[in-house]
Amino acid sequence: MEAKKALYEILDKMPGGVTFTGGSIQYHVQSITGEYHYPSTMLRYMREWRCTHRKIVCIHKGKSLYQMIGSKP
């Protein structure tokens, strides 16, 4: 499975109000795909996803901490 597709599936299933880091997203994608990708790559894919899906806000830029806003459609 491609990393982008794996990330999109993770984000689609994520409930509203969940907080996560770029590193935790990268870890989950790596455990699914078996491939290493930088957290910055996962965050870039996440920014693409949120343009057409639910809102994700940055809570703390220095800690790369994000929160999913809203519920699943």
Protein backbone atom coordinates (compact mmCIF):
# COMPACT_ATOMS: atom_id res chain seq x y z
CA MET A 1 0.00 0.00 0.00
CA GLU A 2 1.23 3.49 -0.80
CA ALA A 3 2.08 5.81 2.07
CA LYS A 4 -0.35 8.49 0.93
CA LYS A 5 -3.22 6.02 0.66
CA ALA A 6 -2.41 4.58 4.10
CA LEU A 7 -2.35 8.06 5.63
CA TYR A 8 -5.65 9.00 4.00
CA GLU A 9 -7.28 5.87 5.43
CA ILE A 10 -5.94 6.70 8.91
CA LEU A 11 -7.26 10.27 8.69
CA ASP A 12 -10.64 9.13 7.32
CA LYS A 13 -11.15 6.81 10.32
CA MET A 14 -9.90 9.30 12.92
CA PRO A 15 -12.62 10.63 15.26
CA GLY A 16 -13.00 14.34 15.94
CA GLY A 17 -11.07 15.82 18.84
CA VAL A 18 -8.09 13.47 18.54
CA THR A 19 -4.67 15.07 18.95
CA PHE A 20 -1.62 13.65 17.22
CA THR A 21 1.92 14.52 16.18
CA GLY A 22 3.67 14.31 12.86
CA GLY A 23 5.87 11.57 14.32
CA SER A 24 2.92 9.47 15.46
CA ILE A 25 1.29 9.70 12.03
CA GLN A 26 4.59 8.70 10.42
CA TYR A 27 4.89 5.73 12.79
CA HIS A 28 1.39 4.45 11.97
CA VAL A 29 1.97 4.76 8.22
CA GLN A 30 5.32 2.96 8.58
CA SER A 31 3.68 0.11 10.52
CA ILE A 32 1.10 -0.32 7.72
CA THR A 33 3.40 0.02 4.71
CA GLY A 34 6.67 -1.30 6.13
CA GLU A 35 8.43 1.68 4.53
CA TYR A 36 10.10 4.64 6.21
CA HIS A 37 8.90 8.12 5.30
CA TYR A 38 9.82 11.39 6.97
CA PRO A 39 7.20 12.98 9.25
CA SER A 40 7.37 16.11 7.07
CA THR A 41 6.21 14.05 4.09
CA MET A 42 3.24 12.76 6.07
CA LEU A 43 2.36 16.31 7.14
CA ARG A 44 2.50 17.48 3.53
CA TYR A 45 0.09 14.69 2.56
CA MET A 46 -2.10 15.66 5.54
CA ARG A 47 -2.30 19.27 4.32
CA GLU A 48 -3.41 18.00 0.91
CA TRP A 49 -6.08 15.78 2.55
CA ARG A 50 -7.54 18.55 4.71
CA CYS A 51 -8.19 20.75 1.65
CA THR A 52 -11.04 18.46 0.62
CA HIS A 53 -11.96 16.73 3.90
CA ARG A 54 -12.26 17.72 7.55
CA LYS A 55 -10.38 20.48 9.31
CA ILE A 56 -7.10 19.82 11.14
CA VAL A 57 -5.58 22.59 13.26
CA CYS A 58 -2.05 23.01 14.55
CA ILE A 59 -2.10 23.24 18.34
CA HIS A 60 1.66 23.61 18.90
CA LYS A 61 3.96 24.17 15.94
CA GLY A 62 7.18 23.47 17.86
CA LYS A 63 5.94 20.08 19.05
CA SER A 64 4.21 19.31 15.73
CA LEU A 65 0.95 18.76 17.61
CA TYR A 66 -2.31 18.70 15.62
CA GLN A 67 -5.99 18.16 16.37
CA MET A 68 -8.74 16.74 14.16
CA ILE A 69 -11.80 19.01 14.20
CA GLY A 70 -15.33 17.83 13.53
CA SER A 71 -16.80 14.39 13.19
CA LYS A 72 -16.58 11.89 10.38
CA PRO A 73 -19.03 12.63 7.56
